[in-house]
C-alpha atoms as a PDB file:
ATOM      1  CA  MET A   1      -7.975  42.670 -44.827  1.00  0.00           C
ATOM      2  CA  ILE A   2      -4.854  44.761 -45.388  1.00  0.00           C
ATOM      3  CA  LEU A   3      -5.030  44.226 -49.167  1.00  0.00           C
ATOM      4  CA  ALA A   4      -8.659  45.380 -49.155  1.00  0.00           C
ATOM      5  CA  THR A   5      -7.604  48.357 -47.041  1.00  0.00           C
ATOM      6  CA  GLY A   6      -4.897  49.347 -49.527  1.00  0.00           C
ATOM      7  CA  PHE A   7      -7.242  48.902 -52.477  1.00  0.00           C
ATOM      8  CA  PHE A   8     -10.031  51.072 -51.064  1.00  0.00           C
ATOM      9  CA  LEU A   9      -7.743  53.737 -49.608  1.00  0.00           C
ATOM     10  CA  ALA A  10      -5.942  54.122 -52.943  1.00  0.00           C
ATOM     11  CA  LEU A  11      -9.274  54.305 -54.758  1.00  0.00           C
ATOM     12  CA  GLY A  12     -10.583  56.836 -52.239  1.00  0.00           C
ATOM     13  CA  ASP A  13      -7.479  58.986 -52.635  1.00  0.00           C
ATOM     14  CA  ALA A  14      -7.878  58.838 -56.416  1.00  0.00           C
ATOM     15  CA  VAL A  15     -11.492  60.002 -56.007  1.00  0.00           C
ATOM     16  CA  ILE A  16     -10.305  62.867 -53.785  1.00  0.00           C
ATOM     17  CA  LYS A  17      -7.834  63.896 -56.470  1.00  0.00           C
ATOM     18  CA  GLY A  18     -10.539  63.720 -59.134  1.00  0.00           C
ATOM     19  CA  ILE A  19     -13.152  65.782 -57.265  1.00  0.00           C
ATOM     20  CA  SER A  20     -10.799  68.239 -55.562  1.00  0.00           C
ATOM     21  CA  THR A  21     -11.821  71.018 -57.972  1.00  0.00           C
ATOM     22  CA  GLN A  22     -15.518  70.517 -57.149  1.00  0.00           C
ATOM     23  CA  PHE A  23     -15.442  70.459 -53.333  1.00  0.00           C
ATOM     24  CA  THR A  24     -13.540  71.954 -50.465  1.00  0.00           C
ATOM     25  CA  LEU A  25     -11.569  69.647 -48.214  1.00  0.00           C
ATOM     26  CA  TRP A  26     -13.816  70.649 -45.306  1.00  0.00           C
ATOM     27  CA  GLN A  27     -16.952  69.707 -47.250  1.00  0.00           C
ATOM     28  CA  ILE A  28     -15.440  66.272 -47.838  1.00  0.00           C
ATOM     29  CA  PHE A  29     -14.467  65.926 -44.161  1.00  0.00           C
ATOM     30  CA  THR A  30     -17.968  66.935 -43.026  1.00  0.00           C
ATOM     31  CA  LEU A  31     -20.143  64.940 -45.404  1.00  0.00           C
ATOM     32  CA  ARG A  32     -17.966  61.842 -45.362  1.00  0.00           C
ATOM     33  CA  SER A  33     -18.004  61.731 -41.556  1.00  0.00           C
ATOM     34  CA  VAL A  34     -21.775  62.328 -41.495  1.00  0.00           C
ATOM     35  CA  LEU A  35     -22.195  59.244 -43.670  1.00  0.00           C
ATOM     36  CA  VAL A  36     -19.627  57.158 -41.779  1.00  0.00           C
ATOM     37  CA  LEU A  37     -20.428  57.830 -38.115  1.00  0.00           C
ATOM     38  CA  PRO A  38     -23.905  56.173 -38.003  1.00  0.00           C
ATOM     39  CA  VAL A  39     -22.461  53.053 -39.624  1.00  0.00           C
ATOM     40  CA  LEU A  40     -19.613  52.903 -37.109  1.00  0.00           C
ATOM     41  CA  VAL A  41     -21.916  53.454 -34.139  1.00  0.00           C
ATOM     42  CA  VAL A  42     -24.267  50.658 -35.269  1.00  0.00           C
ATOM     43  CA  ALA A  43     -21.271  48.357 -35.869  1.00  0.00           C
ATOM     44  CA  LEU A  44     -19.892  49.145 -32.399  1.00  0.00           C
ATOM     45  CA  LEU A  45     -23.283  48.467 -30.814  1.00  0.00           C
ATOM     46  CA  TRP A  46     -23.584  45.161 -32.693  1.00  0.00           C
ATOM     47  CA  ARG A  47     -20.022  44.118 -31.814  1.00  0.00           C
ATOM     48  CA  SER A  48     -19.990  44.985 -28.111  1.00  0.00           C
ATOM     49  CA  ARG A  49     -23.720  44.884 -27.289  1.00  0.00           C
ATOM     50  CA  ALA A  50     -23.180  48.166 -25.427  1.00  0.00           C
ATOM     51  CA  LEU A  51     -22.634  51.663 -26.773  1.00  0.00           C
ATOM     52  CA  VAL A  52     -19.518  52.918 -24.983  1.00  0.00           C
ATOM     53  CA  LEU A  53     -18.134  55.945 -26.802  1.00  0.00           C
ATOM     54  CA  TRP A  54     -15.567  57.022 -24.217  1.00  0.00           C
ATOM     55  CA  PRO A  55     -12.123  55.431 -24.759  1.00  0.00           C
ATOM     56  CA  GLN A  56      -9.913  54.172 -21.967  1.00  0.00           C
ATOM     57  CA  ARG A  57      -7.302  56.857 -22.711  1.00  0.00           C
ATOM     58  CA  PRO A  58      -9.217  59.787 -24.240  1.00  0.00           C
ATOM     59  CA  TRP A  59      -6.388  62.316 -24.490  1.00  0.00           C
ATOM     60  CA  TRP A  60      -4.082  59.909 -26.309  1.00  0.00           C
ATOM     61  CA  THR A  61      -6.978  58.864 -28.552  1.00  0.00           C
ATOM     62  CA  LEU A  62      -7.681  62.530 -29.307  1.00  0.00           C
ATOM     63  CA  LEU A  63      -4.020  63.216 -30.121  1.00  0.00           C
ATOM     64  CA  ARG A  64      -3.934  60.156 -32.389  1.00  0.00           C
ATOM     65  CA  SER A  65      -7.053  61.399 -34.197  1.00  0.00           C
ATOM     66  CA  ALA A  66      -5.536  64.880 -34.590  1.00  0.00           C
ATOM     67  CA  LEU A  67      -2.336  63.445 -36.086  1.00  0.00           C
ATOM     68  CA  LEU A  68      -4.277  61.303 -38.563  1.00  0.00           C
ATOM     69  CA  SER A  69      -6.462  64.277 -39.518  1.00  0.00           C
ATOM     70  CA  ALA A  70      -3.344  66.366 -40.143  1.00  0.00           C
ATOM     71  CA  MET A  71      -1.969  63.467 -42.189  1.00  0.00           C
ATOM     72  CA  TRP A  72      -4.990  63.463 -44.482  1.00  0.00           C
ATOM     73  CA  ILE A  73      -5.064  67.262 -44.813  1.00  0.00           C
ATOM     74  CA  ALA A  74      -1.430  67.331 -45.963  1.00  0.00           C
ATOM     75  CA  TYR A  75      -1.817  64.317 -48.242  1.00  0.00           C
ATOM     76  CA  TYR A  76      -5.082  65.379 -49.895  1.00  0.00           C
ATOM     77  CA  TYR A  77      -3.773  68.884 -50.543  1.00  0.00           C
ATOM     78  CA  SER A  78      -0.616  67.471 -52.135  1.00  0.00           C
ATOM     79  CA  LEU A  79      -2.717  65.529 -54.659  1.00  0.00           C
ATOM     80  CA  LEU A  80      -3.641  68.816 -56.339  1.00  0.00           C
ATOM     81  CA  TYR A  81      -0.020  69.272 -57.369  1.00  0.00           C
ATOM     82  CA  VAL A  82       1.678  65.848 -57.169  1.00  0.00           C
ATOM     83  CA  ASP A  83       1.011  62.662 -59.148  1.00  0.00           C
ATOM     84  CA  LEU A  84      -0.866  60.071 -57.102  1.00  0.00           C
ATOM     85  CA  SER A  85       1.822  57.415 -57.648  1.00  0.00           C
ATOM     86  CA  ILE A  86       4.589  59.782 -56.453  1.00  0.00           C
ATOM     87  CA  ALA A  87       2.608  61.066 -53.474  1.00  0.00           C
ATOM     88  CA  SER A  88       1.759  57.526 -52.380  1.00  0.00           C
ATOM     89  CA  ALA A  89       5.375  56.391 -52.648  1.00  0.00           C
ATOM     90  CA  VAL A  90       6.643  59.294 -50.532  1.00  0.00           C
ATOM     91  CA  TYR A  91       3.822  58.756 -48.053  1.00  0.00           C
ATOM     92  CA  TYR A  92       4.744  55.088 -47.735  1.00  0.00           C
ATOM     93  CA  SER A  93       8.128  56.034 -46.377  1.00  0.00           C
ATOM     94  CA  SER A  94       6.143  55.935 -43.101  1.00  0.00           C
ATOM     95  CA  PRO A  95       7.403  52.428 -42.088  1.00  0.00           C
ATOM     96  CA  ILE A  96      10.914  53.888 -42.121  1.00  0.00           C
ATOM     97  CA  PHE A  97       9.852  56.674 -39.761  1.00  0.00           C
ATOM     98  CA  ILE A  98       7.989  54.150 -37.617  1.00  0.00           C
ATOM     99  CA  THR A  99      11.242  52.201 -37.312  1.00  0.00           C
ATOM    100  CA  LEU A 100      13.105  55.363 -36.287  1.00  0.00           C
ATOM    101  CA  PHE A 101      10.447  56.525 -33.834  1.00  0.00           C
ATOM    102  CA  ALA A 102      10.130  53.054 -32.323  1.00  0.00           C
ATOM    103  CA  ALA A 103      13.868  53.156 -31.618  1.00  0.00           C
ATOM    104  CA  LEU A 104      13.792  56.711 -30.263  1.00  0.00           C
ATOM    105  CA  PHE A 105      10.588  56.646 -28.208  1.00  0.00           C
ATOM    106  CA  LEU A 106       9.967  52.979 -27.421  1.00  0.00           C
ATOM    107  CA  GLY A 107      13.513  51.666 -27.175  1.00  0.00           C
ATOM    108  CA  ASP A 108      13.064  49.105 -29.958  1.00  0.00           C
ATOM    109  CA  ALA A 109      16.236  47.620 -31.391  1.00  0.00           C
ATOM    110  CA  VAL A 110      16.804  48.650 -35.026  1.00  0.00           C
ATOM    111  CA  GLY A 111      20.017  46.870 -35.993  1.00  0.00           C
ATOM    112  CA  ARG A 112      22.046  47.073 -39.184  1.00  0.00           C
ATOM    113  CA  THR A 113      19.205  45.955 -41.429  1.00  0.00           C
ATOM    114  CA  GLY A 114      16.907  48.590 -39.960  1.00  0.00           C
ATOM    115  CA  TRP A 115      19.415  51.393 -40.472  1.00  0.00           C
ATOM    116  CA  LEU A 116      20.062  50.144 -44.017  1.00  0.00           C
ATOM    117  CA  ALA A 117      16.307  50.443 -44.598  1.00  0.00           C
ATOM    118  CA  VAL A 118      16.346  54.014 -43.314  1.00  0.00           C
ATOM    119  CA  GLY A 119      19.207  54.896 -45.661  1.00  0.00           C
ATOM    120  CA  LEU A 120      17.583  53.302 -48.708  1.00  0.00           C
ATOM    121  CA  GLY A 121      14.299  55.010 -47.923  1.00  0.00           C
ATOM    122  CA  ALA A 122      15.971  58.404 -47.622  1.00  0.00           C
ATOM    123  CA  ILE A 123      17.660  57.910 -51.005  1.00  0.00           C
ATOM    124  CA  GLY A 124      14.329  56.826 -52.510  1.00  0.00           C
ATOM    125  CA  VAL A 125      12.573  59.937 -51.232  1.00  0.00           C
ATOM    126  CA  LEU A 126      15.340  62.146 -52.665  1.00  0.00           C
ATOM    127  CA  LEU A 127      15.076  60.432 -56.058  1.00  0.00           C
ATOM    128  CA  ILE A 128      11.324  61.022 -56.120  1.00  0.00           C
ATOM    129  CA  LEU A 129      11.429  64.614 -54.903  1.00  0.00           C
ATOM    130  CA  GLN A 130      14.571  65.405 -56.952  1.00  0.00           C
ATOM    131  CA  PRO A 131      15.360  68.626 -55.063  1.00  0.00           C
ATOM    132  CA  THR A 132      17.370  71.191 -57.004  1.00  0.00           C
ATOM    133  CA  ALA A 133      19.865  73.722 -55.780  1.00  0.00           C
ATOM    134  CA  GLY A 134      17.397  76.496 -56.509  1.00  0.00           C
ATOM    135  CA  ALA A 135      14.319  75.350 -54.624  1.00  0.00           C
ATOM    136  CA  ILE A 136      12.449  72.389 -53.216  1.00  0.00           C
ATOM    137  CA  ASN A 137       8.879  71.803 -54.319  1.00  0.00           C
ATOM    138  CA  LEU A 138       6.889  72.456 -51.165  1.00  0.00           C
ATOM    139  CA  TYR A 139       3.962  70.423 -52.466  1.00  0.00           C
ATOM    140  CA  SER A 140       6.184  67.365 -52.878  1.00  0.00           C
ATOM    141  CA  LEU A 141       7.124  67.655 -49.211  1.00  0.00           C
ATOM    142  CA  LEU A 142       3.499  67.437 -48.072  1.00  0.00           C
ATOM    143  CA  PRO A 143       3.298  63.619 -48.469  1.00  0.00           C
ATOM    144  CA  LEU A 144       6.510  63.441 -46.427  1.00  0.00           C
ATOM    145  CA  ALA A 145       4.877  65.474 -43.647  1.00  0.00           C
ATOM    146  CA  SER A 146       1.885  63.162 -43.972  1.00  0.00           C
ATOM    147  CA  ALA A 147       4.137  60.126 -43.500  1.00  0.00           C
ATOM    148  CA  LEU A 148       5.639  61.674 -40.360  1.00  0.00           C
ATOM    149  CA  ALA A 149       2.177  62.317 -38.893  1.00  0.00           C
ATOM    150  CA  TYR A 150       1.074  58.759 -39.695  1.00  0.00           C
ATOM    151  CA  ALA A 151       4.206  57.288 -38.129  1.00  0.00           C
ATOM    152  CA  LEU A 152       3.659  59.238 -34.907  1.00  0.00           C
ATOM    153  CA  ALA A 153      -0.003  58.172 -34.862  1.00  0.00           C
ATOM    154  CA  MET A 154       0.993  54.514 -35.238  1.00  0.00           C
ATOM    155  CA  ILE A 155       3.525  54.831 -32.407  1.00  0.00           C
ATOM    156  CA  LEU A 156       0.693  56.186 -30.247  1.00  0.00           C
ATOM    157  CA  THR A 157      -1.552  53.354 -31.405  1.00  0.00           C
ATOM    158  CA  ARG A 158       1.026  50.824 -30.340  1.00  0.00           C
ATOM    159  CA  SER A 159       2.131  52.449 -27.080  1.00  0.00           C
ATOM    160  CA  ARG A 160      -0.936  54.302 -25.780  1.00  0.00           C
ATOM    161  CA  CYS A 161      -4.033  52.996 -27.615  1.00  0.00           C
ATOM    162  CA  ALA A 162      -3.241  49.299 -27.971  1.00  0.00           C
ATOM    163  CA  ASN A 163      -6.248  48.202 -25.926  1.00  0.00           C
ATOM    164  CA  GLU A 164      -8.805  50.501 -27.526  1.00  0.00           C
ATOM    165  CA  GLU A 165     -11.651  49.108 -29.637  1.00  0.00           C
ATOM    166  CA  PRO A 166     -10.761  49.722 -33.346  1.00  0.00           C
ATOM    167  CA  LEU A 167     -14.302  50.877 -34.128  1.00  0.00           C
ATOM    168  CA  LEU A 168     -14.100  53.397 -31.292  1.00  0.00           C
ATOM    169  CA  LEU A 169     -10.773  54.709 -32.588  1.00  0.00           C
ATOM    170  CA  SER A 170     -12.402  55.187 -35.985  1.00  0.00           C
ATOM    171  CA  ILE A 171     -15.391  56.941 -34.417  1.00  0.00           C
ATOM    172  CA  TRP A 172     -13.163  59.432 -32.626  1.00  0.00           C
ATOM    173  CA  LEU A 173     -11.141  60.013 -35.780  1.00  0.00           C
ATOM    174  CA  ASN A 174     -14.271  60.785 -37.767  1.00  0.00           C
ATOM    175  CA  LEU A 175     -15.615  62.997 -34.977  1.00  0.00           C
ATOM    176  CA  VAL A 176     -12.421  65.061 -35.091  1.00  0.00           C
ATOM    177  CA  MET A 177     -12.648  65.333 -38.893  1.00  0.00           C
ATOM    178  CA  LEU A 178     -16.327  66.270 -38.617  1.00  0.00           C
ATOM    179  CA  LEU A 179     -15.532  69.067 -36.145  1.00  0.00           C
ATOM    180  CA  LEU A 180     -12.674  70.283 -38.340  1.00  0.00           C
ATOM    181  CA  GLY A 181     -14.917  70.209 -41.398  1.00  0.00           C
ATOM    182  CA  ILE A 182     -17.734  72.152 -39.751  1.00  0.00           C
ATOM    183  CA  GLY A 183     -15.421  74.631 -38.039  1.00  0.00           C
ATOM    184  CA  PHE A 184     -13.345  75.501 -41.095  1.00  0.00           C
ATOM    185  CA  SER A 185     -16.449  75.593 -43.313  1.00  0.00           C
ATOM    186  CA  LEU A 186     -18.081  78.162 -41.035  1.00  0.00           C
ATOM    187  CA  VAL A 187     -14.962  80.309 -40.797  1.00  0.00           C
ATOM    188  CA  LEU A 188     -13.735  80.104 -44.396  1.00  0.00           C
ATOM    189  CA  GLY A 189     -17.144  80.118 -46.062  1.00  0.00           C
ATOM    190  CA  GLN A 190     -17.175  83.870 -45.676  1.00  0.00           C
ATOM    191  CA  SER A 191     -14.519  84.187 -48.415  1.00  0.00           C
ATOM    192  CA  SER A 192     -16.736  82.746 -51.151  1.00  0.00           C
ATOM    193  CA  SER A 193     -16.778  86.041 -53.054  1.00  0.00           C
ATOM    194  CA  VAL A 194     -13.005  86.139 -53.391  1.00  0.00           C
ATOM    195  CA  ALA A 195     -11.447  84.742 -56.584  1.00  0.00           C
ATOM    196  CA  LEU A 196      -9.359  81.698 -55.673  1.00  0.00           C
ATOM    197  CA  SER A 197      -7.129  79.312 -57.560  1.00  0.00           C
ATOM    198  CA  ALA A 198      -7.972  75.604 -57.592  1.00  0.00           C
ATOM    199  CA  GLY A 199      -5.564  74.878 -54.755  1.00  0.00           C
ATOM    200  CA  GLU A 200      -6.759  77.813 -52.675  1.00  0.00           C
ATOM    201  CA  ALA A 201     -10.416  76.931 -53.288  1.00  0.00           C
ATOM    202  CA  PHE A 202      -9.812  73.366 -52.053  1.00  0.00           C
ATOM    203  CA  LEU A 203      -8.784  74.767 -48.659  1.00  0.00           C
ATOM    204  CA  PHE A 204     -10.424  78.183 -48.462  1.00  0.00           C
ATOM    205  CA  GLY A 205     -13.413  78.094 -50.826  1.00  0.00           C
ATOM    206  CA  SER A 206     -17.116  77.611 -50.143  1.00  0.00           C
ATOM    207  CA  TRP A 207     -19.017  74.352 -50.525  1.00  0.00           C
ATOM    208  CA  GLY A 208     -19.872  73.129 -54.015  1.00  0.00           C
ATOM    209  CA  LEU A 209     -23.299  71.989 -55.190  1.00  0.00           C
ATOM    210  CA  MET A 210     -23.828  68.242 -55.383  1.00  0.00           C
ATOM    211  CA  ASP A 211     -25.731  66.066 -57.835  1.00  0.00           C
ATOM    212  CA  VAL A 212     -26.211  62.304 -57.920  1.00  0.00           C
ATOM    213  CA  MET A 213     -22.660  61.633 -59.144  1.00  0.00           C
ATOM    214  CA  GLN A 214     -21.121  63.808 -56.414  1.00  0.00           C
ATOM    215  CA  TRP A 215     -23.132  62.005 -53.739  1.00  0.00           C
ATOM    216  CA  ALA A 216     -22.038  58.678 -55.226  1.00  0.00           C
ATOM    217  CA  ALA A 217     -18.416  59.821 -54.973  1.00  0.00           C
ATOM    218  CA  MET A 218     -18.982  60.852 -51.353  1.00  0.00           C
ATOM    219  CA  ALA A 219     -20.517  57.448 -50.583  1.00  0.00           C
ATOM    220  CA  LEU A 220     -17.464  55.768 -52.109  1.00  0.00           C
ATOM    221  CA  LEU A 221     -15.222  57.927 -49.916  1.00  0.00           C
ATOM    222  CA  ALA A 222     -17.271  56.847 -46.896  1.00  0.00           C
ATOM    223  CA  VAL A 223     -16.708  53.190 -47.737  1.00  0.00           C
ATOM    224  CA  ALA A 224     -12.983  53.847 -48.237  1.00  0.00           C
ATOM    225  CA  ILE A 225     -12.547  55.569 -44.864  1.00  0.00           C
ATOM    226  CA  ILE A 226     -14.477  52.846 -43.036  1.00  0.00           C
ATOM    227  CA  VAL A 227     -12.348  50.101 -44.562  1.00  0.00           C
ATOM    228  CA  GLY A 228      -9.189  52.173 -44.144  1.00  0.00           C
ATOM    229  CA  SER A 229      -9.646  53.310 -40.554  1.00  0.00           C
ATOM    230  CA  VAL A 230     -11.058  50.036 -39.228  1.00  0.00           C
ATOM    231  CA  GLY A 231      -9.516  47.486 -41.567  1.00  0.00           C
ATOM    232  CA  ALA A 232      -5.896  48.391 -40.873  1.00  0.00           C
ATOM    233  CA  ALA A 233      -6.437  48.257 -37.110  1.00  0.00           C
ATOM    234  CA  VAL A 234      -8.171  44.877 -37.346  1.00  0.00           C
ATOM    235  CA  ALA A 235      -5.477  43.484 -39.655  1.00  0.00           C
ATOM    236  CA  TYR A 236      -2.655  44.517 -37.349  1.00  0.00           C
ATOM    237  CA  GLN A 237      -4.484  43.145 -34.317  1.00  0.00           C
ATOM    238  CA  LEU A 238      -5.345  39.750 -35.822  1.00  0.00           C
ATOM    239  CA  GLY A 239      -2.279  39.097 -37.981  1.00  0.00           C
ATOM    240  CA  ARG A 240       1.446  39.159 -37.348  1.00  0.00           C
ATOM    241  CA  PRO A 241       2.521  42.820 -37.752  1.00  0.00           C
ATOM    242  CA  THR A 242       5.601  41.874 -39.771  1.00  0.00           C
ATOM    243  CA  THR A 243       3.484  39.942 -42.283  1.00  0.00           C
ATOM    244  CA  VAL A 244       0.697  42.530 -42.458  1.00  0.00           C
ATOM    245  CA  ALA A 245       3.154  45.410 -42.932  1.00  0.00           C
ATOM    246  CA  THR A 246       4.698  43.634 -45.919  1.00  0.00           C
ATOM    247  CA  PHE A 247       1.339  43.471 -47.714  1.00  0.00           C
ATOM    248  CA  ASP A 248       0.548  47.033 -46.625  1.00  0.00           C
ATOM    249  CA  PHE A 249       2.892  48.226 -49.381  1.00  0.00           C
ATOM    250  CA  ALA A 250       0.297  47.059 -51.902  1.00  0.00           C
ATOM    251  CA  TYR A 251      -1.192  50.557 -51.491  1.00  0.00           C
ATOM    252  CA  VAL A 252       1.657  51.983 -53.586  1.00  0.00           C
ATOM    253  CA  ALA A 253       0.915  49.546 -56.407  1.00  0.00           C
ATOM    254  CA  PHE A 254      -2.831  50.256 -56.247  1.00  0.00           C
ATOM    255  CA  ALA A 255      -2.211  54.021 -56.237  1.00  0.00           C
ATOM    256  CA  THR A 256       0.104  53.724 -59.244  1.00  0.00           C
ATOM    257  CA  VAL A 257      -2.548  51.746 -61.140  1.00  0.00           C
ATOM    258  CA  TRP A 258      -5.339  54.219 -60.290  1.00  0.00           C
ATOM    259  CA  GLY A 259      -3.083  57.146 -61.208  1.00  0.00           C
ATOM    260  CA  ALA A 260      -2.287  55.605 -64.592  1.00  0.00           C
ATOM    261  CA  LEU A 261      -5.882  54.555 -65.364  1.00  0.00           C
ATOM    262  CA  LEU A 262      -7.683  57.689 -64.200  1.00  0.00           C
ATOM    263  CA  PHE A 263      -5.138  60.488 -64.652  1.00  0.00           C
ATOM    264  CA  HIS A 264      -2.583  59.049 -67.131  1.00  0.00           C
ATOM    265  CA  GLU A 265       0.161  59.586 -64.537  1.00  0.00           C
ATOM    266  CA  VAL A 266       3.206  57.399 -65.111  1.00  0.00           C
ATOM    267  CA  PRO A 267       6.300  58.057 -62.967  1.00  0.00           C
ATOM    268  CA  GLY A 268       9.555  58.802 -64.770  1.00  0.00           C
ATOM    269  CA  ALA A 269      12.526  56.450 -64.669  1.00  0.00           C
ATOM    270  CA  ILE A 270      14.318  58.172 -61.767  1.00  0.00           C
ATOM    271  CA  ALA A 271      11.123  58.455 -59.724  1.00  0.00           C
ATOM    272  CA  ALA A 272      10.316  54.793 -60.453  1.00  0.00           C
ATOM    273  CA  VAL A 273      13.713  53.800 -59.017  1.00  0.00           C
ATOM    274  CA  GLY A 274      12.864  55.881 -55.949  1.00  0.00           C
ATOM    275  CA  VAL A 275       9.542  54.060 -55.567  1.00  0.00           C
ATOM    276  CA  LEU A 276      11.327  50.686 -55.711  1.00  0.00           C
ATOM    277  CA  LEU A 277      13.919  51.821 -53.153  1.00  0.00           C
ATOM    278  CA  ILE A 278      11.199  52.930 -50.722  1.00  0.00           C
ATOM    279  CA  ALA A 279       9.390  49.613 -51.170  1.00  0.00           C
ATOM    280  CA  ALA A 280      12.656  47.733 -50.553  1.00  0.00           C
ATOM    281  CA  ALA A 281      13.378  49.916 -47.523  1.00  0.00           C
ATOM    282  CA  GLY A 282       9.963  49.164 -46.071  1.00  0.00           C
ATOM    283  CA  LEU A 283      10.454  45.430 -46.519  1.00  0.00           C
ATOM    284  CA  LEU A 284      13.879  45.662 -44.887  1.00  0.00           C
ATOM    285  CA  ALA A 285      12.409  47.654 -42.005  1.00  0.00           C
ATOM    286  CA  VAL A 286       9.807  44.924 -41.494  1.00  0.00           C
ATOM    287  CA  ARG A 287      12.500  42.237 -41.693  1.00  0.00           C
ATOM    288  CA  SER A 288      14.697  44.046 -39.180  1.00  0.00           C
ATOM    289  CA  ARG A 289      11.813  44.073 -36.677  1.00  0.00           C
ATOM    290  CA  ARG A 290      11.235  40.338 -37.287  1.00  0.00           C
ATOM    291  CA  LEU A 291      14.915  39.591 -36.597  1.00  0.00           C
ATOM    292  CA  ALA A 292      15.130  41.881 -33.557  1.00  0.00           C
END
């Protein structure tokens, strides 16, 4: 399940990168959620035999959905300016932040191996971002902000939403993205007459026209978000978290493959070392939690 999740999420993110000049982010949020929500509702009705759309802890569920929405906004916007393989590697520093936050907020023991993982991950991120004395590329920091948001959302999932139905969590997430998509589309659609760069148009432009291929891409994104938002929750509930988290790093490999095949993006030698360090740090973080 987690390998399928990584495969489809990486493919979906590659599609987002490929169509980002044709759509606004809010159009993607709106149409993808419109396609996804009926499927999730039917699946929830089939699974539970009763349609209960109100979670046990609504405010925590709403905050989790807001954090994950912010995660995707930051990550998708970064793909306009950052190679998919690099963005995915920085984003997958999230297990390191989860380790830190679990220690800070939940009182989990980290240990020497855990702190070694944090150090290796920090070095890996620096090697990928390669900040200079003159300036730091703000766009390269967006996947890092995305990783922070994801880590906080997973801490909430573990501490406040552990007993929620995964399908219901996905429904609320897509409802939040649908409301964001509609709201920002209504507000920002008024600026359609203003000349915008590709990056500005992705956030502030008006909706693009869609043909059969664009609808096919949107359907693929719908499949990716269903597998991604439900599959990860199911995998972590049914399997041992330490084992599942290890295979979760397959996303970085899938993203690197899609980036090379679709966009001819191959990370440089220094960045490749950074990717390997982050992967090693994640595995160490998982191991430290197994030994704790």
